[in-house]
Amino acid sequence: MRHALPIAVLLTLSLAACSGDRAGSSDTVADVAAPPAMDSAPIVDQPSVDIPPATAPTPVPPVADGTFDARMDGVAEARFGMTADEVRAVWDGELEGNPAEGEECFHLSPAGQSTPAQFALMFGDGRLVRYSAESPDRVAPGGGRRGMAADDIRAMYDGRVEASPHKYTEGQYLRVTGQDGSPAVIVFETDADGAVTEWRVGLAPYVDYVEGCA
């Protein structure tokens, strides 16, 4: 015959069991390690200020001459018949001259040339009457230039070339008459090998002067 436990004893045992369960649960939570605290701020791999995107460098435009457009009526903005002051006013750059040449006939040349004869403007009686070039970079109306062969000049200006002996060398003067009624003339000077050494464009009689103003 079983003896029933008193109700008070059963309640005591039940409360003890519940208390033990709660204690075990608390110990389990305490055993779970918390994440370690960070000693420093997160690493930032982006700059703190706005930086514009990289752009390609702007190409430097080539420097153009801008002052040489050879024609039968003049060069660049200068026209035959203009005074020296009028030419200076329209010329792109500084022009230098030789005061010793006088007022009746003189030359003006762009500043900075190695020699004045590289390119020169001739004035007769105060007016622009001719321009000339020894530089191989300067091109005459129609395409002629220093260094070309005399035969190439004849072919380039077909039917308009008159040849005569050079006054000081074994070369020639190749005189090209104008087109469309232009009074201007081109004269190419050649050496003994038939190569162009210089040329000039202008009005007679100045274009035929072989010693500058004479």
N, C-alpha and C. Protein backbone atom coordinates (compact mmCIF):
# COMPACT_ATOMS: atom_id res chain seq x y z
N MET A 1 0.86 -1.17 0.00
CA MET A 1 0.00 0.00 0.00
C MET A 1 0.90 1.23 0.00
N ARG A 2 0.72 2.03 -1.09
CA ARG A 2 1.53 3.25 -1.20
C ARG A 2 0.99 4.35 -0.30
N HIS A 3 1.99 5.09 0.20
CA HIS A 3 1.59 6.22 1.06
C HIS A 3 1.68 7.51 0.26
N ALA A 4 0.66 8.32 0.13
CA ALA A 4 0.65 9.60 -0.62
C ALA A 4 1.45 10.65 0.12
N LEU A 5 2.26 11.33 -0.66
CA LEU A 5 3.04 12.42 -0.05
C LEU A 5 2.14 13.60 0.24
N PRO A 6 2.50 14.28 1.26
CA PRO A 6 1.69 15.46 1.58
C PRO A 6 1.76 16.48 0.45
N ILE A 7 0.71 17.20 0.26
CA ILE A 7 0.64 18.21 -0.81
C ILE A 7 1.70 19.26 -0.64
N ALA A 8 2.02 19.62 0.55
CA ALA A 8 3.03 20.66 0.80
C ALA A 8 4.38 20.22 0.31
N VAL A 9 4.70 18.92 0.46
CA VAL A 9 6.01 18.40 0.01
C VAL A 9 6.07 18.43 -1.50
N LEU A 10 4.98 18.04 -2.20
CA LEU A 10 4.96 18.05 -3.66
C LEU A 10 5.16 19.45 -4.20
N LEU A 11 4.57 20.46 -3.62
CA LEU A 11 4.73 21.83 -4.09
C LEU A 11 6.17 22.29 -3.93
N THR A 12 6.81 21.88 -2.82
CA THR A 12 8.20 22.28 -2.58
C THR A 12 9.11 21.70 -3.62
N LEU A 13 8.92 20.42 -3.97
CA LEU A 13 9.75 19.77 -4.98
C LEU A 13 9.54 20.40 -6.35
N SER A 14 8.34 20.76 -6.71
CA SER A 14 8.05 21.36 -8.01
C SER A 14 8.70 22.72 -8.16
N LEU A 15 8.65 23.54 -7.12
CA LEU A 15 9.28 24.86 -7.18
C LEU A 15 10.78 24.76 -7.31
N ALA A 16 11.37 23.76 -6.66
CA ALA A 16 12.82 23.58 -6.72
C ALA A 16 13.25 23.20 -8.12
N ALA A 17 12.44 22.33 -8.76
CA ALA A 17 12.76 21.93 -10.13
C ALA A 17 12.68 23.11 -11.08
N CYS A 18 11.66 23.94 -10.98
CA CYS A 18 11.54 25.11 -11.86
C CYS A 18 12.69 26.07 -11.66
N SER A 19 13.08 26.26 -10.40
CA SER A 19 14.19 27.16 -10.11
C SER A 19 15.48 26.65 -10.71
N GLY A 20 15.67 25.35 -10.68
CA GLY A 20 16.89 24.78 -11.27
C GLY A 20 16.93 24.96 -12.76
N ASP A 21 15.76 24.81 -13.44
CA ASP A 21 15.72 25.00 -14.89
C ASP A 21 16.09 26.42 -15.27
N ARG A 22 15.61 27.40 -14.52
CA ARG A 22 15.92 28.79 -14.83
C ARG A 22 17.38 29.09 -14.63
N ALA A 23 17.95 28.50 -13.62
CA ALA A 23 19.39 28.72 -13.38
C ALA A 23 20.22 28.17 -14.50
N GLY A 24 19.82 26.96 -15.01
CA GLY A 24 20.56 26.38 -16.12
C GLY A 24 20.46 27.21 -17.36
N SER A 25 19.28 27.77 -17.64
CA SER A 25 19.10 28.62 -18.81
C SER A 25 19.96 29.85 -18.71
N SER A 26 20.09 30.45 -17.55
CA SER A 26 20.89 31.65 -17.37
C SER A 26 22.35 31.37 -17.62
N ASP A 27 22.79 30.18 -17.10
CA ASP A 27 24.19 29.82 -17.32
C ASP A 27 24.48 29.62 -18.79
N THR A 28 23.52 29.05 -19.55
CA THR A 28 23.73 28.81 -20.98
C THR A 28 23.89 30.11 -21.74
N VAL A 29 23.08 31.14 -21.47
CA VAL A 29 23.18 32.44 -22.12
C VAL A 29 24.49 33.11 -21.81
N ALA A 30 24.95 32.98 -20.54
CA ALA A 30 26.20 33.62 -20.14
C ALA A 30 27.38 33.03 -20.85
N ASP A 31 27.23 31.67 -21.17
CA ASP A 31 28.36 31.01 -21.82
C ASP A 31 28.56 31.45 -23.26
N VAL A 32 27.57 32.07 -23.96
CA VAL A 32 27.68 32.52 -25.34
C VAL A 32 28.52 33.80 -25.39
N ALA A 33 29.65 33.74 -26.10
CA ALA A 33 30.58 34.89 -26.14
C ALA A 33 30.00 36.01 -26.99
N ALA A 34 30.04 37.21 -26.47
CA ALA A 34 29.59 38.38 -27.23
C ALA A 34 30.65 38.77 -28.25
N PRO A 35 30.28 39.35 -29.40
CA PRO A 35 31.27 39.75 -30.42
C PRO A 35 32.22 40.79 -29.84
N PRO A 36 33.51 40.62 -30.15
CA PRO A 36 34.50 41.56 -29.60
C PRO A 36 34.24 42.98 -30.10
N ALA A 37 34.52 43.93 -29.25
CA ALA A 37 34.36 45.33 -29.63
C ALA A 37 35.48 45.72 -30.58
N MET A 38 35.16 46.53 -31.61
CA MET A 38 36.16 46.97 -32.58
C MET A 38 37.02 48.05 -31.95
N ASP A 39 38.35 47.89 -32.11
CA ASP A 39 39.29 48.84 -31.52
C ASP A 39 39.38 50.14 -32.31
N SER A 40 39.02 50.09 -33.65
CA SER A 40 39.14 51.30 -34.48
C SER A 40 37.97 51.38 -35.44
N ALA A 41 37.87 52.52 -36.10
CA ALA A 41 36.78 52.74 -37.06
C ALA A 41 37.01 51.89 -38.30
N PRO A 42 35.97 51.54 -39.03
CA PRO A 42 36.12 50.74 -40.26
C PRO A 42 37.02 51.45 -41.27
N ILE A 43 37.76 50.65 -42.03
CA ILE A 43 38.65 51.21 -43.05
C ILE A 43 37.80 51.71 -44.22
N VAL A 44 38.07 52.97 -44.63
CA VAL A 44 37.34 53.58 -45.74
C VAL A 44 38.28 53.69 -46.93
N ASP A 45 37.91 53.06 -48.04
CA ASP A 45 38.80 53.08 -49.21
C ASP A 45 38.39 54.11 -50.24
N GLN A 46 37.56 55.07 -49.89
CA GLN A 46 37.14 56.13 -50.78
C GLN A 46 37.56 57.47 -50.20
N PRO A 47 37.95 58.43 -51.05
CA PRO A 47 38.35 59.76 -50.54
C PRO A 47 37.18 60.47 -49.91
N SER A 48 37.52 61.36 -48.98
CA SER A 48 36.48 62.08 -48.25
C SER A 48 35.94 63.28 -49.02
N VAL A 49 36.60 63.62 -50.13
CA VAL A 49 36.13 64.75 -50.94
C VAL A 49 35.86 64.27 -52.35
N ASP A 50 35.04 64.99 -53.07
CA ASP A 50 34.73 64.63 -54.45
C ASP A 50 35.89 64.97 -55.36
N ILE A 51 36.28 64.01 -56.17
CA ILE A 51 37.37 64.21 -57.12
C ILE A 51 36.80 64.07 -58.52
N PRO A 52 37.02 65.06 -59.39
CA PRO A 52 36.46 64.95 -60.75
C PRO A 52 37.08 63.81 -61.50
N PRO A 53 36.37 63.18 -62.42
CA PRO A 53 36.93 62.07 -63.18
C PRO A 53 38.11 62.52 -64.02
N ALA A 54 39.02 61.58 -64.25
CA ALA A 54 40.21 61.89 -65.05
C ALA A 54 39.80 62.24 -66.46
N THR A 55 40.46 63.22 -67.01
CA THR A 55 40.17 63.63 -68.39
C THR A 55 41.44 63.61 -69.19
N ALA A 56 41.31 63.37 -70.49
CA ALA A 56 42.48 63.35 -71.37
C ALA A 56 43.01 64.77 -71.53
N PRO A 57 44.33 64.94 -71.62
CA PRO A 57 44.88 66.28 -71.80
C PRO A 57 44.43 66.90 -73.10
N THR A 58 44.18 68.18 -73.05
CA THR A 58 43.76 68.88 -74.26
C THR A 58 44.93 69.00 -75.22
N PRO A 59 44.80 68.48 -76.44
CA PRO A 59 45.93 68.57 -77.38
C PRO A 59 46.25 70.00 -77.72
N VAL A 60 47.57 70.29 -77.82
CA VAL A 60 48.00 71.63 -78.19
C VAL A 60 47.90 71.77 -79.70
N PRO A 61 47.11 72.72 -80.16
CA PRO A 61 46.98 72.86 -81.61
C PRO A 61 48.29 73.26 -82.24
N PRO A 62 48.51 72.77 -83.42
CA PRO A 62 49.73 73.18 -84.08
C PRO A 62 49.75 74.66 -84.37
N VAL A 63 50.95 75.22 -84.28
CA VAL A 63 51.09 76.65 -84.55
C VAL A 63 51.12 76.88 -86.05
N ALA A 64 50.15 77.60 -86.55
CA ALA A 64 50.09 77.88 -87.99
C ALA A 64 50.79 79.20 -88.28
N ASP A 65 51.30 79.31 -89.51
CA ASP A 65 51.99 80.54 -89.89
C ASP A 65 51.00 81.71 -89.84
N GLY A 66 49.88 81.54 -90.52
CA GLY A 66 48.81 82.53 -90.43
C GLY A 66 49.08 83.83 -91.15
N THR A 67 50.27 84.02 -91.75
CA THR A 67 50.58 85.30 -92.38
C THR A 67 50.93 85.14 -93.85
N PHE A 68 50.83 83.93 -94.40
CA PHE A 68 51.35 83.73 -95.75
C PHE A 68 50.32 83.07 -96.65
N ASP A 69 49.70 83.87 -97.46
CA ASP A 69 48.75 83.40 -98.46
C ASP A 69 49.15 84.08 -99.76
N ALA A 70 50.03 83.41 -100.53
CA ALA A 70 50.61 84.04 -101.72
C ALA A 70 49.61 84.10 -102.86
N ARG A 71 49.44 85.29 -103.42
CA ARG A 71 48.54 85.49 -104.54
C ARG A 71 49.21 86.42 -105.55
N MET A 72 48.58 86.55 -106.70
CA MET A 72 49.14 87.43 -107.73
C MET A 72 48.83 88.91 -107.47
N ASP A 73 47.95 89.18 -106.52
CA ASP A 73 47.64 90.59 -106.21
C ASP A 73 48.20 91.01 -104.85
N GLY A 74 48.96 90.14 -104.22
CA GLY A 74 49.53 90.47 -102.92
C GLY A 74 49.78 89.22 -102.09
N VAL A 75 49.90 89.41 -100.80
CA VAL A 75 50.18 88.29 -99.90
C VAL A 75 49.48 88.54 -98.57
N ALA A 76 48.90 87.49 -98.00
CA ALA A 76 48.10 87.61 -96.79
C ALA A 76 47.04 88.70 -97.01
N GLU A 77 46.94 89.65 -96.08
CA GLU A 77 45.95 90.73 -96.23
C GLU A 77 46.53 91.95 -96.95
N ALA A 78 47.81 91.88 -97.28
CA ALA A 78 48.47 93.00 -97.97
C ALA A 78 48.21 92.92 -99.47
N ARG A 79 47.98 94.06 -100.08
CA ARG A 79 47.71 94.14 -101.52
C ARG A 79 48.71 95.09 -102.18
N PHE A 80 49.06 94.77 -103.41
CA PHE A 80 49.92 95.68 -104.16
C PHE A 80 49.24 97.04 -104.25
N GLY A 81 50.02 98.08 -104.01
CA GLY A 81 49.48 99.44 -104.02
C GLY A 81 49.27 100.01 -102.63
N MET A 82 49.28 99.17 -101.59
CA MET A 82 49.13 99.67 -100.23
C MET A 82 50.39 100.39 -99.77
N THR A 83 50.20 101.35 -98.88
CA THR A 83 51.35 102.01 -98.27
C THR A 83 51.92 101.11 -97.16
N ALA A 84 53.11 101.46 -96.68
CA ALA A 84 53.73 100.68 -95.61
C ALA A 84 52.87 100.68 -94.35
N ASP A 85 52.28 101.82 -94.03
CA ASP A 85 51.42 101.90 -92.85
C ASP A 85 50.19 101.02 -93.01
N GLU A 86 49.63 100.99 -94.20
CA GLU A 86 48.45 100.15 -94.44
C GLU A 86 48.81 98.67 -94.34
N VAL A 87 49.98 98.31 -94.84
CA VAL A 87 50.42 96.91 -94.74
C VAL A 87 50.66 96.53 -93.29
N ARG A 88 51.33 97.37 -92.54
CA ARG A 88 51.57 97.09 -91.12
C ARG A 88 50.26 96.89 -90.36
N ALA A 89 49.24 97.66 -90.75
CA ALA A 89 47.96 97.59 -90.05
C ALA A 89 47.26 96.25 -90.26
N VAL A 90 47.48 95.61 -91.41
CA VAL A 90 46.78 94.35 -91.69
C VAL A 90 47.68 93.13 -91.53
N TRP A 91 48.97 93.34 -91.30
CA TRP A 91 49.89 92.21 -91.22
C TRP A 91 49.81 91.55 -89.85
N ASP A 92 49.86 90.22 -89.83
CA ASP A 92 49.78 89.46 -88.59
C ASP A 92 51.18 89.30 -88.00
N GLY A 93 51.62 90.30 -87.25
CA GLY A 93 52.95 90.26 -86.67
C GLY A 93 53.71 91.55 -86.94
N GLU A 94 54.92 91.62 -86.38
CA GLU A 94 55.74 92.82 -86.52
C GLU A 94 56.57 92.77 -87.79
N LEU A 95 56.69 93.89 -88.45
CA LEU A 95 57.52 94.01 -89.64
C LEU A 95 58.69 94.95 -89.35
N GLU A 96 59.87 94.51 -89.76
CA GLU A 96 61.08 95.30 -89.54
C GLU A 96 61.68 95.72 -90.87
N GLY A 97 62.33 96.88 -90.88
CA GLY A 97 62.95 97.36 -92.11
C GLY A 97 64.34 97.91 -91.87
N ASN A 98 64.97 98.30 -92.96
CA ASN A 98 66.30 98.90 -92.92
C ASN A 98 66.17 100.38 -93.30
N PRO A 99 66.24 101.28 -92.31
CA PRO A 99 66.05 102.71 -92.62
C PRO A 99 67.04 103.25 -93.65
N ALA A 100 68.19 102.59 -93.78
CA ALA A 100 69.20 103.08 -94.70
C ALA A 100 68.79 102.94 -96.15
N GLU A 101 67.76 102.14 -96.42
CA GLU A 101 67.34 101.94 -97.81
C GLU A 101 66.69 103.18 -98.40
N GLY A 102 66.19 104.05 -97.56
CA GLY A 102 65.54 105.25 -98.07
C GLY A 102 64.05 105.09 -98.24
N GLU A 103 63.40 106.15 -98.72
CA GLU A 103 61.95 106.17 -98.82
C GLU A 103 61.45 105.75 -100.20
N GLU A 104 62.26 105.91 -101.23
CA GLU A 104 61.81 105.60 -102.58
C GLU A 104 61.67 104.10 -102.80
N CYS A 105 62.59 103.32 -102.23
CA CYS A 105 62.52 101.86 -102.36
C CYS A 105 63.10 101.23 -101.10
N PHE A 106 62.33 100.38 -100.45
CA PHE A 106 62.80 99.74 -99.22
C PHE A 106 62.05 98.41 -99.01
N HIS A 107 62.55 97.62 -98.07
CA HIS A 107 61.94 96.33 -97.77
C HIS A 107 61.50 96.27 -96.30
N LEU A 108 60.46 95.48 -96.05
CA LEU A 108 60.04 95.14 -94.70
C LEU A 108 59.99 93.61 -94.61
N SER A 109 60.44 93.08 -93.47
CA SER A 109 60.46 91.63 -93.27
C SER A 109 59.88 91.28 -91.90
N PRO A 110 59.23 90.13 -91.76
CA PRO A 110 58.72 89.72 -90.45
C PRO A 110 59.84 89.62 -89.42
N ALA A 111 59.60 90.08 -88.22
CA ALA A 111 60.59 90.02 -87.15
C ALA A 111 60.90 88.56 -86.79
N GLY A 112 62.17 88.32 -86.43
CA GLY A 112 62.55 86.99 -85.97
C GLY A 112 63.12 86.07 -87.03
N GLN A 113 63.20 86.52 -88.27
CA GLN A 113 63.76 85.67 -89.32
C GLN A 113 65.28 85.60 -89.17
N SER A 114 65.86 84.47 -89.67
CA SER A 114 67.31 84.35 -89.61
C SER A 114 67.99 85.38 -90.50
N THR A 115 67.39 85.69 -91.64
CA THR A 115 67.87 86.75 -92.53
C THR A 115 66.65 87.46 -93.10
N PRO A 116 66.76 88.75 -93.42
CA PRO A 116 65.62 89.46 -93.99
C PRO A 116 65.15 88.86 -95.31
N ALA A 117 66.06 88.24 -96.06
CA ALA A 117 65.70 87.70 -97.37
C ALA A 117 64.86 86.43 -97.29
N GLN A 118 64.72 85.84 -96.11
CA GLN A 118 63.87 84.66 -96.00
C GLN A 118 62.47 84.97 -96.54
N PHE A 119 62.00 86.13 -96.21
CA PHE A 119 60.76 86.65 -96.82
C PHE A 119 60.79 88.16 -96.68
N ALA A 120 60.49 88.87 -97.76
CA ALA A 120 60.56 90.32 -97.72
C ALA A 120 59.48 90.95 -98.59
N LEU A 121 59.02 92.11 -98.13
CA LEU A 121 58.06 92.93 -98.88
C LEU A 121 58.80 94.15 -99.42
N MET A 122 58.67 94.42 -100.71
CA MET A 122 59.33 95.58 -101.31
C MET A 122 58.31 96.70 -101.55
N PHE A 123 58.74 97.92 -101.21
CA PHE A 123 57.92 99.10 -101.43
C PHE A 123 58.65 100.03 -102.39
N GLY A 124 57.96 100.43 -103.44
CA GLY A 124 58.51 101.37 -104.40
C GLY A 124 57.65 102.62 -104.44
N ASP A 125 58.28 103.77 -104.29
CA ASP A 125 57.55 105.04 -104.23
C ASP A 125 56.46 105.00 -103.15
N GLY A 126 56.78 104.33 -102.06
CA GLY A 126 55.87 104.29 -100.91
C GLY A 126 54.75 103.27 -101.00
N ARG A 127 54.74 102.43 -102.06
CA ARG A 127 53.65 101.46 -102.24
C ARG A 127 54.20 100.04 -102.32
N LEU A 128 53.41 99.07 -101.86
CA LEU A 128 53.83 97.66 -101.98
C LEU A 128 53.82 97.25 -103.45
N VAL A 129 54.97 96.78 -103.93
CA VAL A 129 55.09 96.45 -105.36
C VAL A 129 55.60 95.03 -105.60
N ARG A 130 56.09 94.38 -104.53
CA ARG A 130 56.68 93.06 -104.75
C ARG A 130 56.89 92.36 -103.40
N TYR A 131 56.89 91.04 -103.41
CA TYR A 131 57.33 90.26 -102.25
C TYR A 131 58.18 89.10 -102.75
N SER A 132 59.13 88.68 -101.93
CA SER A 132 60.10 87.67 -102.37
C SER A 132 60.39 86.69 -101.23
N ALA A 133 60.91 85.51 -101.60
CA ALA A 133 61.19 84.49 -100.60
C ALA A 133 62.39 83.64 -100.99
N GLU A 134 63.25 83.38 -99.99
CA GLU A 134 64.34 82.41 -100.13
C GLU A 134 64.08 81.17 -99.29
N SER A 135 63.09 81.22 -98.43
CA SER A 135 62.78 80.09 -97.55
C SER A 135 62.08 78.98 -98.32
N PRO A 136 62.48 77.71 -98.11
CA PRO A 136 61.80 76.60 -98.78
C PRO A 136 60.39 76.37 -98.24
N ASP A 137 60.06 77.00 -97.11
CA ASP A 137 58.73 76.84 -96.53
C ASP A 137 57.68 77.73 -97.19
N ARG A 138 58.14 78.71 -97.95
CA ARG A 138 57.22 79.63 -98.62
C ARG A 138 56.88 79.12 -100.01
N VAL A 139 55.61 79.14 -100.34
CA VAL A 139 55.14 78.61 -101.62
C VAL A 139 54.58 79.75 -102.46
N ALA A 140 55.04 79.83 -103.69
CA ALA A 140 54.59 80.88 -104.61
C ALA A 140 53.20 80.55 -105.15
N PRO A 141 52.49 81.54 -105.68
CA PRO A 141 51.21 81.25 -106.33
C PRO A 141 51.39 80.19 -107.42
N GLY A 142 50.56 79.19 -107.42
CA GLY A 142 50.66 78.11 -108.39
C GLY A 142 51.47 76.92 -107.93
N GLY A 143 52.21 77.04 -106.78
CA GLY A 143 52.89 75.88 -106.22
C GLY A 143 54.40 75.86 -106.29
N GLY A 144 55.03 76.78 -107.00
CA GLY A 144 56.49 76.79 -107.09
C GLY A 144 57.14 77.14 -105.76
N ARG A 145 58.35 76.60 -105.53
CA ARG A 145 59.06 76.88 -104.29
C ARG A 145 60.55 76.61 -104.45
N ARG A 146 61.32 77.06 -103.50
CA ARG A 146 62.77 76.84 -103.51
C ARG A 146 63.07 75.34 -103.49
N GLY A 147 64.07 74.93 -104.27
CA GLY A 147 64.47 73.53 -104.32
C GLY A 147 63.89 72.76 -105.48
N MET A 148 62.84 73.28 -106.10
CA MET A 148 62.25 72.60 -107.24
C MET A 148 63.16 72.70 -108.47
N ALA A 149 63.07 71.73 -109.37
CA ALA A 149 63.84 71.74 -110.61
C ALA A 149 63.20 72.68 -111.62
N ALA A 150 64.04 73.26 -112.45
CA ALA A 150 63.54 74.18 -113.48
C ALA A 150 62.52 73.50 -114.38
N ASP A 151 62.74 72.23 -114.70
CA ASP A 151 61.79 71.51 -115.56
C ASP A 151 60.43 71.38 -114.88
N ASP A 152 60.44 71.21 -113.56
CA ASP A 152 59.17 71.11 -112.84
C ASP A 152 58.44 72.45 -112.86
N ILE A 153 59.18 73.53 -112.79
CA ILE A 153 58.57 74.86 -112.87
C ILE A 153 57.94 75.05 -114.24
N ARG A 154 58.65 74.65 -115.28
CA ARG A 154 58.10 74.80 -116.64
C ARG A 154 56.82 73.97 -116.80
N ALA A 155 56.82 72.78 -116.25
CA ALA A 155 55.62 71.93 -116.35
C ALA A 155 54.47 72.50 -115.52
N MET A 156 54.80 73.03 -114.36
CA MET A 156 53.77 73.56 -113.45
C MET A 156 53.09 74.79 -114.03
N TYR A 157 53.87 75.64 -114.70
CA TYR A 157 53.33 76.86 -115.29
C TYR A 157 53.40 76.75 -116.81
N ASP A 158 52.88 75.68 -117.31
CA ASP A 158 52.96 75.34 -118.73
C ASP A 158 52.51 76.49 -119.63
N GLY A 159 53.41 76.84 -120.57
CA GLY A 159 53.07 77.86 -121.55
C GLY A 159 53.25 79.28 -121.09
N ARG A 160 53.65 79.51 -119.84
CA ARG A 160 53.75 80.88 -119.34
C ARG A 160 55.16 81.22 -118.86
N VAL A 161 56.13 80.36 -119.13
CA VAL A 161 57.49 80.55 -118.61
C VAL A 161 58.43 81.06 -119.70
N GLU A 162 59.10 82.15 -119.41
CA GLU A 162 60.14 82.69 -120.28
C GLU A 162 61.47 82.61 -119.54
N ALA A 163 62.47 81.97 -120.15
CA ALA A 163 63.77 81.80 -119.50
C ALA A 163 64.79 82.79 -120.06
N SER A 164 65.65 83.28 -119.16
CA SER A 164 66.75 84.15 -119.57
C SER A 164 67.95 83.86 -118.65
N PRO A 165 69.17 84.14 -119.13
CA PRO A 165 70.36 83.84 -118.34
C PRO A 165 70.41 84.66 -117.04
N HIS A 166 70.91 84.02 -115.99
CA HIS A 166 71.08 84.71 -114.71
C HIS A 166 72.25 85.70 -114.82
N LYS A 167 72.13 86.80 -114.16
CA LYS A 167 73.15 87.85 -114.26
C LYS A 167 74.45 87.49 -113.55
N TYR A 168 74.36 86.69 -112.48
CA TYR A 168 75.54 86.43 -111.66
C TYR A 168 75.95 84.96 -111.58
N THR A 169 75.10 84.05 -111.98
CA THR A 169 75.42 82.62 -111.90
C THR A 169 75.19 81.97 -113.27
N GLU A 170 75.42 80.67 -113.32
CA GLU A 170 75.14 79.93 -114.55
C GLU A 170 73.70 79.43 -114.60
N GLY A 171 72.90 79.94 -113.71
CA GLY A 171 71.49 79.57 -113.70
C GLY A 171 70.65 80.42 -114.61
N GLN A 172 69.35 80.48 -114.32
CA GLN A 172 68.42 81.22 -115.17
C GLN A 172 67.41 81.99 -114.34
N TYR A 173 66.74 82.91 -115.00
CA TYR A 173 65.53 83.54 -114.47
C TYR A 173 64.36 82.92 -115.23
N LEU A 174 63.43 82.35 -114.52
CA LEU A 174 62.23 81.78 -115.13
C LEU A 174 61.08 82.74 -114.81
N ARG A 175 60.67 83.47 -115.81
CA ARG A 175 59.66 84.52 -115.63
C ARG A 175 58.30 83.98 -116.02
N VAL A 176 57.37 83.99 -115.07
CA VAL A 176 56.02 83.45 -115.28
C VAL A 176 55.04 84.60 -115.35
N THR A 177 54.39 84.76 -116.49
CA THR A 177 53.41 85.84 -116.63
C THR A 177 52.12 85.48 -115.91
N GLY A 178 51.38 86.51 -115.52
CA GLY A 178 50.15 86.30 -114.78
C GLY A 178 49.02 85.75 -115.62
N GLN A 179 47.97 85.34 -114.95
CA GLN A 179 46.78 84.82 -115.61
C GLN A 179 45.61 85.78 -115.41
N ASP A 180 44.60 85.60 -116.25
CA ASP A 180 43.37 86.37 -116.13
C ASP A 180 43.63 87.88 -116.14
N GLY A 181 44.61 88.29 -116.93
CA GLY A 181 44.87 89.71 -117.08
C GLY A 181 45.62 90.34 -115.93
N SER A 182 46.13 89.52 -114.97
CA SER A 182 46.86 90.08 -113.84
C SER A 182 48.17 90.71 -114.33
N PRO A 183 48.50 91.91 -113.87
CA PRO A 183 49.75 92.54 -114.28
C PRO A 183 50.96 92.00 -113.52
N ALA A 184 50.74 91.24 -112.48
CA ALA A 184 51.84 90.73 -111.67
C ALA A 184 52.56 89.59 -112.38
N VAL A 185 53.83 89.39 -112.01
CA VAL A 185 54.70 88.38 -112.60
C VAL A 185 55.39 87.61 -111.49
N ILE A 186 55.67 86.31 -111.75
CA ILE A 186 56.48 85.51 -110.83
C ILE A 186 57.84 85.29 -111.50
N VAL A 187 58.92 85.47 -110.74
CA VAL A 187 60.26 85.21 -111.24
C VAL A 187 60.93 84.18 -110.32
N PHE A 188 61.33 83.04 -110.88
CA PHE A 188 62.08 82.03 -110.15
C PHE A 188 63.55 82.12 -110.58
N GLU A 189 64.45 82.19 -109.63
CA GLU A 189 65.88 82.17 -109.93
C GLU A 189 66.40 80.75 -109.70
N THR A 190 67.23 80.25 -110.63
CA THR A 190 67.79 78.91 -110.50
C THR A 190 69.32 78.99 -110.48
N ASP A 191 69.93 77.92 -109.94
CA ASP A 191 71.39 77.85 -109.95
C ASP A 191 71.87 77.05 -111.16
N ALA A 192 73.17 76.75 -111.21
CA ALA A 192 73.74 76.05 -112.37
C ALA A 192 73.16 74.64 -112.53
N ASP A 193 72.67 74.07 -111.45
CA ASP A 193 72.08 72.73 -111.51
C ASP A 193 70.60 72.76 -111.89
N GLY A 194 70.07 73.96 -112.08
CA GLY A 194 68.67 74.07 -112.47
C GLY A 194 67.70 74.01 -111.31
N ALA A 195 68.17 74.21 -110.07
CA ALA A 195 67.29 74.20 -108.90
C ALA A 195 66.92 75.62 -108.50
N VAL A 196 65.70 75.83 -108.11
CA VAL A 196 65.23 77.14 -107.69
C VAL A 196 65.91 77.54 -106.38
N THR A 197 66.47 78.73 -106.33
CA THR A 197 67.12 79.24 -105.12
C THR A 197 66.28 80.31 -104.42
N GLU A 198 65.44 81.00 -105.16
CA GLU A 198 64.54 82.01 -104.59
C GLU A 198 63.50 82.38 -105.63
N TRP A 199 62.48 83.09 -105.20
CA TRP A 199 61.44 83.53 -106.12
C TRP A 199 60.83 84.83 -105.62
N ARG A 200 60.12 85.52 -106.50
CA ARG A 200 59.48 86.77 -106.15
C ARG A 200 58.23 86.97 -107.01
N VAL A 201 57.31 87.73 -106.47
CA VAL A 201 56.06 88.07 -107.17
C VAL A 201 55.90 89.58 -107.10
N GLY A 202 55.58 90.21 -108.22
CA GLY A 202 55.41 91.65 -108.17
C GLY A 202 55.08 92.29 -109.50
N LEU A 203 55.09 93.58 -109.47
CA LEU A 203 54.75 94.39 -110.63
C LEU A 203 56.03 94.87 -111.31
N ALA A 204 55.98 94.95 -112.63
CA ALA A 204 57.11 95.51 -113.39
C ALA A 204 57.15 97.03 -113.15
N PRO A 205 58.34 97.61 -113.09
CA PRO A 205 59.65 96.99 -113.34
C PRO A 205 60.29 96.36 -112.10
N TYR A 206 59.64 96.53 -110.92
CA TYR A 206 60.25 96.11 -109.66
C TYR A 206 60.51 94.59 -109.59
N VAL A 207 59.61 93.82 -110.15
CA VAL A 207 59.77 92.37 -110.08
C VAL A 207 61.01 91.88 -110.83
N ASP A 208 61.49 92.68 -111.79
CA ASP A 208 62.66 92.29 -112.57
C ASP A 208 63.98 92.82 -112.01
N TYR A 209 63.92 93.58 -110.93
CA TYR A 209 65.15 94.05 -110.30
C TYR A 209 65.89 92.85 -109.72
N VAL A 210 67.18 92.74 -110.03
CA VAL A 210 67.95 91.57 -109.58
C VAL A 210 68.83 91.90 -108.37
N GLU A 211 68.91 93.15 -108.00
CA GLU A 211 69.73 93.55 -106.85
C GLU A 211 68.87 94.31 -105.85
N GLY A 212 67.81 93.69 -105.43
CA GLY A 212 66.93 94.38 -104.47
C GLY A 212 66.21 95.52 -105.15
N CYS A 213 66.58 96.73 -104.74
CA CYS A 213 65.93 97.93 -105.29
C CYS A 213 66.61 98.43 -106.55
N ALA A 214 67.44 97.62 -107.19
CA ALA A 214 68.10 98.06 -108.41
C ALA A 214 68.16 96.91 -109.42
